[in-house]
PDB file of N, CA and C in Angstrom:
ATOM      1  N   ASN A   1       0.849  -1.166   0.000  1.00  0.00           N
ATOM      2  CA  ASN A   1       0.000   0.000   0.000  1.00  0.00           C
ATOM      3  C   ASN A   1       0.895   1.230   0.000  1.00  0.00           C
ATOM      4  N   MET A   2       0.695   2.151  -0.940  1.00  0.00           N
ATOM      5  CA  MET A   2       1.456   3.395  -1.005  1.00  0.00           C
ATOM      6  C   MET A   2       0.463   4.551  -1.024  1.00  0.00           C
ATOM      7  N   THR A   3       0.542   5.416  -0.039  1.00  0.00           N
ATOM      8  CA  THR A   3      -0.370   6.543   0.056  1.00  0.00           C
ATOM      9  C   THR A   3       0.178   7.726  -0.720  1.00  0.00           C
ATOM     10  N   THR A   4      -0.668   8.340  -1.536  1.00  0.00           N
ATOM     11  CA  THR A   4      -0.305   9.550  -2.271  1.00  0.00           C
ATOM     12  C   THR A   4      -1.491  10.493  -2.230  1.00  0.00           C
ATOM     13  N   GLY A   5      -1.341  11.676  -2.783  1.00  0.00           N
ATOM     14  CA  GLY A   5      -2.410  12.684  -2.729  1.00  0.00           C
ATOM     15  C   GLY A   5      -3.694  12.252  -3.391  1.00  0.00           C
ATOM     16  N   GLU A   6      -3.671  12.002  -4.684  1.00  0.00           N
ATOM     17  CA  GLU A   6      -4.897  11.642  -5.395  1.00  0.00           C
ATOM     18  C   GLU A   6      -4.778  10.300  -6.082  1.00  0.00           C
ATOM     19  N   GLY A   7      -3.849   9.518  -5.678  1.00  0.00           N
ATOM     20  CA  GLY A   7      -3.666   8.200  -6.274  1.00  0.00           C
ATOM     21  C   GLY A   7      -3.089   7.276  -5.230  1.00  0.00           C
ATOM     22  N   GLY A   8      -2.658   6.164  -5.652  1.00  0.00           N
ATOM     23  CA  GLY A   8      -2.070   5.210  -4.736  1.00  0.00           C
ATOM     24  C   GLY A   8      -1.882   3.895  -5.447  1.00  0.00           C
ATOM     25  N   MET A   9      -1.399   2.933  -4.719  1.00  0.00           N
ATOM     26  CA  MET A   9      -1.156   1.644  -5.342  1.00  0.00           C
ATOM     27  C   MET A   9      -1.321   0.558  -4.291  1.00  0.00           C
ATOM     28  N   ILE A  10      -1.987  -0.479  -4.685  1.00  0.00           N
ATOM     29  CA  ILE A  10      -2.112  -1.674  -3.862  1.00  0.00           C
ATOM     30  C   ILE A  10      -1.755  -2.849  -4.743  1.00  0.00           C
ATOM     31  N   VAL A  11      -0.911  -3.718  -4.239  1.00  0.00           N
ATOM     32  CA  VAL A  11      -0.496  -4.895  -4.987  1.00  0.00           C
ATOM     33  C   VAL A  11      -0.972  -6.123  -4.222  1.00  0.00           C
ATOM     34  N   THR A  12      -1.735  -6.967  -4.915  1.00  0.00           N
ATOM     35  CA  THR A  12      -2.222  -8.190  -4.289  1.00  0.00           C
ATOM     36  C   THR A  12      -2.575  -9.203  -5.365  1.00  0.00           C
ATOM     37  N   ASP A  13      -2.582 -10.452  -4.991  1.00  0.00           N
ATOM     38  CA  ASP A  13      -3.054 -11.493  -5.902  1.00  0.00           C
ATOM     39  C   ASP A  13      -4.393 -12.057  -5.420  1.00  0.00           C
ATOM     40  N   ASP A  14      -5.015 -11.372  -4.472  1.00  0.00           N
ATOM     41  CA  ASP A  14      -6.293 -11.780  -3.898  1.00  0.00           C
ATOM     42  C   ASP A  14      -7.424 -11.076  -4.654  1.00  0.00           C
ATOM     43  N   ASP A  15      -8.148 -11.801  -5.486  1.00  0.00           N
ATOM     44  CA  ASP A  15      -9.211 -11.219  -6.314  1.00  0.00           C
ATOM     45  C   ASP A  15     -10.312 -10.567  -5.484  1.00  0.00           C
ATOM     46  N   GLU A  16     -10.636 -11.151  -4.346  1.00  0.00           N
ATOM     47  CA  GLU A  16     -11.675 -10.584  -3.485  1.00  0.00           C
ATOM     48  C   GLU A  16     -11.228  -9.227  -2.933  1.00  0.00           C
ATOM     49  N   LEU A  17      -9.964  -9.125  -2.549  1.00  0.00           N
ATOM     50  CA  LEU A  17      -9.427  -7.861  -2.054  1.00  0.00           C
ATOM     51  C   LEU A  17      -9.380  -6.811  -3.162  1.00  0.00           C
ATOM     52  N   VAL A  18      -9.036  -7.212  -4.371  1.00  0.00           N
ATOM     53  CA  VAL A  18      -9.029  -6.292  -5.519  1.00  0.00           C
ATOM     54  C   VAL A  18     -10.418  -5.694  -5.718  1.00  0.00           C
ATOM     55  N   ASP A  19     -11.440  -6.531  -5.711  1.00  0.00           N
ATOM     56  CA  ASP A  19     -12.812  -6.044  -5.891  1.00  0.00           C
ATOM     57  C   ASP A  19     -13.197  -5.057  -4.789  1.00  0.00           C
ATOM     58  N   LYS A  20     -12.827  -5.360  -3.549  1.00  0.00           N
ATOM     59  CA  LYS A  20     -13.145  -4.488  -2.415  1.00  0.00           C
ATOM     60  C   LYS A  20     -12.432  -3.141  -2.544  1.00  0.00           C
ATOM     61  N   MET A  21     -11.165  -3.156  -2.926  1.00  0.00           N
ATOM     62  CA  MET A  21     -10.400  -1.913  -3.063  1.00  0.00           C
ATOM     63  C   MET A  21     -10.943  -1.049  -4.202  1.00  0.00           C
ATOM     64  N   ARG A  22     -11.325  -1.669  -5.301  1.00  0.00           N
ATOM     65  CA  ARG A  22     -11.928  -0.905  -6.407  1.00  0.00           C
ATOM     66  C   ARG A  22     -13.237  -0.266  -5.969  1.00  0.00           C
ATOM     67  N   LEU A  23     -14.028  -1.004  -5.232  1.00  0.00           N
ATOM     68  CA  LEU A  23     -15.296  -0.483  -4.733  1.00  0.00           C
ATOM     69  C   LEU A  23     -15.066   0.708  -3.807  1.00  0.00           C
ATOM     70  N   LEU A  24     -14.113   0.599  -2.902  1.00  0.00           N
ATOM     71  CA  LEU A  24     -13.837   1.686  -1.967  1.00  0.00           C
ATOM     72  C   LEU A  24     -13.320   2.931  -2.679  1.00  0.00           C
ATOM     73  N   SER A  25     -12.581   2.739  -3.765  1.00  0.00           N
ATOM     74  CA  SER A  25     -12.032   3.894  -4.483  1.00  0.00           C
ATOM     75  C   SER A  25     -13.088   4.609  -5.319  1.00  0.00           C
ATOM     76  N   LEU A  26     -14.248   4.049  -5.444  1.00  0.00           N
ATOM     77  CA  LEU A  26     -15.336   4.644  -6.234  1.00  0.00           C
ATOM     78  C   LEU A  26     -16.459   5.158  -5.340  1.00  0.00           C
ATOM     79  N   HIS A  27     -16.128   5.642  -4.155  1.00  0.00           N
ATOM     80  CA  HIS A  27     -17.132   6.114  -3.196  1.00  0.00           C
ATOM     81  C   HIS A  27     -18.081   4.993  -2.783  1.00  0.00           C
ATOM     82  N   GLY A  28     -17.715   3.753  -3.002  1.00  0.00           N
ATOM     83  CA  GLY A  28     -18.589   2.642  -2.674  1.00  0.00           C
ATOM     84  C   GLY A  28     -19.631   2.346  -3.733  1.00  0.00           C
ATOM     85  N   MET A  29     -19.525   3.002  -4.901  1.00  0.00           N
ATOM     86  CA  MET A  29     -20.510   2.797  -5.968  1.00  0.00           C
ATOM     87  C   MET A  29     -20.209   1.525  -6.749  1.00  0.00           C
ATOM     88  N   SER A  30     -21.260   0.884  -7.223  1.00  0.00           N
ATOM     89  CA  SER A  30     -21.121  -0.406  -7.892  1.00  0.00           C
ATOM     90  C   SER A  30     -20.619  -0.306  -9.326  1.00  0.00           C
ATOM     91  N   LYS A  31     -20.561   0.902  -9.913  1.00  0.00           N
ATOM     92  CA  LYS A  31     -20.076   1.073 -11.286  1.00  0.00           C
ATOM     93  C   LYS A  31     -19.134   2.259 -11.345  1.00  0.00           C
ATOM     94  N   ASP A  32     -18.079   2.151 -12.166  1.00  0.00           N
ATOM     95  CA  ASP A  32     -17.193   3.292 -12.350  1.00  0.00           C
ATOM     96  C   ASP A  32     -17.812   4.270 -13.350  1.00  0.00           C
ATOM     97  N   ALA A  33     -17.196   5.433 -13.515  1.00  0.00           N
ATOM     98  CA  ALA A  33     -17.757   6.481 -14.377  1.00  0.00           C
ATOM     99  C   ALA A  33     -17.909   6.017 -15.816  1.00  0.00           C
ATOM    100  N   TRP A  34     -16.963   5.258 -16.321  1.00  0.00           N
ATOM    101  CA  TRP A  34     -17.047   4.777 -17.702  1.00  0.00           C
ATOM    102  C   TRP A  34     -18.303   3.934 -17.900  1.00  0.00           C
ATOM    103  N   LYS A  35     -18.582   3.065 -16.959  1.00  0.00           N
ATOM    104  CA  LYS A  35     -19.752   2.197 -17.072  1.00  0.00           C
ATOM    105  C   LYS A  35     -21.051   2.962 -16.854  1.00  0.00           C
ATOM    106  N   ARG A  36     -20.996   4.093 -16.133  1.00  0.00           N
ATOM    107  CA  ARG A  36     -22.215   4.865 -15.875  1.00  0.00           C
ATOM    108  C   ARG A  36     -22.556   5.835 -16.993  1.00  0.00           C
ATOM    109  N   TYR A  37     -21.566   6.401 -17.669  1.00  0.00           N
ATOM    110  CA  TYR A  37     -21.833   7.513 -18.566  1.00  0.00           C
ATOM    111  C   TYR A  37     -21.653   7.233 -20.050  1.00  0.00           C
ATOM    112  N   THR A  38     -21.139   6.101 -20.444  1.00  0.00           N
ATOM    113  CA  THR A  38     -21.016   5.804 -21.867  1.00  0.00           C
ATOM    114  C   THR A  38     -22.365   5.367 -22.420  1.00  0.00           C
ATOM    115  N   SER A  39     -22.484   5.365 -23.728  1.00  0.00           N
ATOM    116  CA  SER A  39     -23.764   4.999 -24.344  1.00  0.00           C
ATOM    117  C   SER A  39     -24.147   3.556 -24.027  1.00  0.00           C
ATOM    118  N   ALA A  40     -23.162   2.713 -23.806  1.00  0.00           N
ATOM    119  CA  ALA A  40     -23.450   1.320 -23.461  1.00  0.00           C
ATOM    120  C   ALA A  40     -23.724   1.153 -21.973  1.00  0.00           C
ATOM    121  N   GLY A  41     -23.475   2.197 -21.212  1.00  0.00           N
ATOM    122  CA  GLY A  41     -23.627   2.117 -19.766  1.00  0.00           C
ATOM    123  C   GLY A  41     -25.036   2.402 -19.304  1.00  0.00           C
ATOM    124  N   SER A  42     -25.180   2.537 -18.032  1.00  0.00           N
ATOM    125  CA  SER A  42     -26.467   2.805 -17.420  1.00  0.00           C
ATOM    126  C   SER A  42     -26.261   3.824 -16.307  1.00  0.00           C
ATOM    127  N   TRP A  43     -27.205   4.721 -16.123  1.00  0.00           N
ATOM    128  CA  TRP A  43     -27.111   5.690 -15.041  1.00  0.00           C
ATOM    129  C   TRP A  43     -27.380   5.041 -13.691  1.00  0.00           C
ATOM    130  N   TYR A  44     -27.906   3.848 -13.689  1.00  0.00           N
ATOM    131  CA  TYR A  44     -28.238   3.180 -12.436  1.00  0.00           C
ATOM    132  C   TYR A  44     -26.992   2.584 -11.794  1.00  0.00           C
ATOM    133  N   TYR A  45     -26.824   2.817 -10.520  1.00  0.00           N
ATOM    134  CA  TYR A  45     -25.770   2.170  -9.744  1.00  0.00           C
ATOM    135  C   TYR A  45     -26.227   2.128  -8.294  1.00  0.00           C
ATOM    136  N   GLU A  46     -25.572   1.329  -7.499  1.00  0.00           N
ATOM    137  CA  GLU A  46     -25.878   1.256  -6.079  1.00  0.00           C
ATOM    138  C   GLU A  46     -24.649   1.642  -5.279  1.00  0.00           C
ATOM    139  N   VAL A  47     -24.866   2.325  -4.173  1.00  0.00           N
ATOM    140  CA  VAL A  47     -23.790   2.572  -3.221  1.00  0.00           C
ATOM    141  C   VAL A  47     -23.848   1.406  -2.248  1.00  0.00           C
ATOM    142  N   VAL A  48     -22.904   0.492  -2.380  1.00  0.00           N
ATOM    143  CA  VAL A  48     -22.962  -0.753  -1.621  1.00  0.00           C
ATOM    144  C   VAL A  48     -22.038  -0.759  -0.413  1.00  0.00           C
ATOM    145  N   ASP A  49     -21.223   0.286  -0.264  1.00  0.00           N
ATOM    146  CA  ASP A  49     -20.319   0.370   0.880  1.00  0.00           C
ATOM    147  C   ASP A  49     -19.887   1.820   1.032  1.00  0.00           C
ATOM    148  N   ALA A  50     -19.411   2.174   2.194  1.00  0.00           N
ATOM    149  CA  ALA A  50     -18.871   3.523   2.387  1.00  0.00           C
ATOM    150  C   ALA A  50     -17.505   3.579   1.731  1.00  0.00           C
ATOM    151  N   GLY A  51     -17.380   4.382   0.694  1.00  0.00           N
ATOM    152  CA  GLY A  51     -16.120   4.474  -0.034  1.00  0.00           C
ATOM    153  C   GLY A  51     -15.398   5.774   0.248  1.00  0.00           C
ATOM    154  N   TYR A  52     -14.294   5.980  -0.452  1.00  0.00           N
ATOM    155  CA  TYR A  52     -13.431   7.131  -0.207  1.00  0.00           C
ATOM    156  C   TYR A  52     -13.038   7.804  -1.506  1.00  0.00           C
ATOM    157  N   LYS A  53     -12.833   9.098  -1.449  1.00  0.00           N
ATOM    158  CA  LYS A  53     -12.201   9.852  -2.531  1.00  0.00           C
ATOM    159  C   LYS A  53     -11.706  11.143  -1.920  1.00  0.00           C
ATOM    160  N   TYR A  54     -10.402  11.276  -1.795  1.00  0.00           N
ATOM    161  CA  TYR A  54      -9.808  12.478  -1.220  1.00  0.00           C
ATOM    162  C   TYR A  54      -9.107  13.264  -2.304  1.00  0.00           C
ATOM    163  N   ASN A  55      -9.380  14.539  -2.394  1.00  0.00           N
ATOM    164  CA  ASN A  55      -8.665  15.438  -3.284  1.00  0.00           C
ATOM    165  C   ASN A  55      -7.593  16.146  -2.466  1.00  0.00           C
ATOM    166  N   MET A  56      -6.606  16.729  -3.144  1.00  0.00           N
ATOM    167  CA  MET A  56      -5.510  17.374  -2.429  1.00  0.00           C
ATOM    168  C   MET A  56      -6.007  18.429  -1.442  1.00  0.00           C
ATOM    169  N   THR A  57      -7.025  19.181  -1.784  1.00  0.00           N
ATOM    170  CA  THR A  57      -7.513  20.213  -0.867  1.00  0.00           C
ATOM    171  C   THR A  57      -8.123  19.617   0.396  1.00  0.00           C
ATOM    172  N   ASP A  58      -8.519  18.360   0.354  1.00  0.00           N
ATOM    173  CA  ASP A  58      -9.087  17.706   1.529  1.00  0.00           C
ATOM    174  C   ASP A  58      -8.018  17.306   2.539  1.00  0.00           C
ATOM    175  N   ILE A  59      -6.787  17.131   2.085  1.00  0.00           N
ATOM    176  CA  ILE A  59      -5.737  16.638   2.978  1.00  0.00           C
ATOM    177  C   ILE A  59      -4.584  17.618   3.159  1.00  0.00           C
ATOM    178  N   GLN A  60      -4.655  18.789   2.559  1.00  0.00           N
ATOM    179  CA  GLN A  60      -3.570  19.763   2.695  1.00  0.00           C
ATOM    180  C   GLN A  60      -3.558  20.377   4.067  1.00  0.00           C
TER     181      GLN A  60
END
């Protein structure tokens, strides 16, 4: 785990942990922006967990 301002990195071979980390990085939403806003996507998504998104102004 490497903490940075608006990014970071997690290395694992655990697929379940990968899914959880992706979910947390999307505010807990079940779909990323690409899947929500493209023509093939759907505006529907669920917030399935409390997720995180910190911008530099939030941590300065």
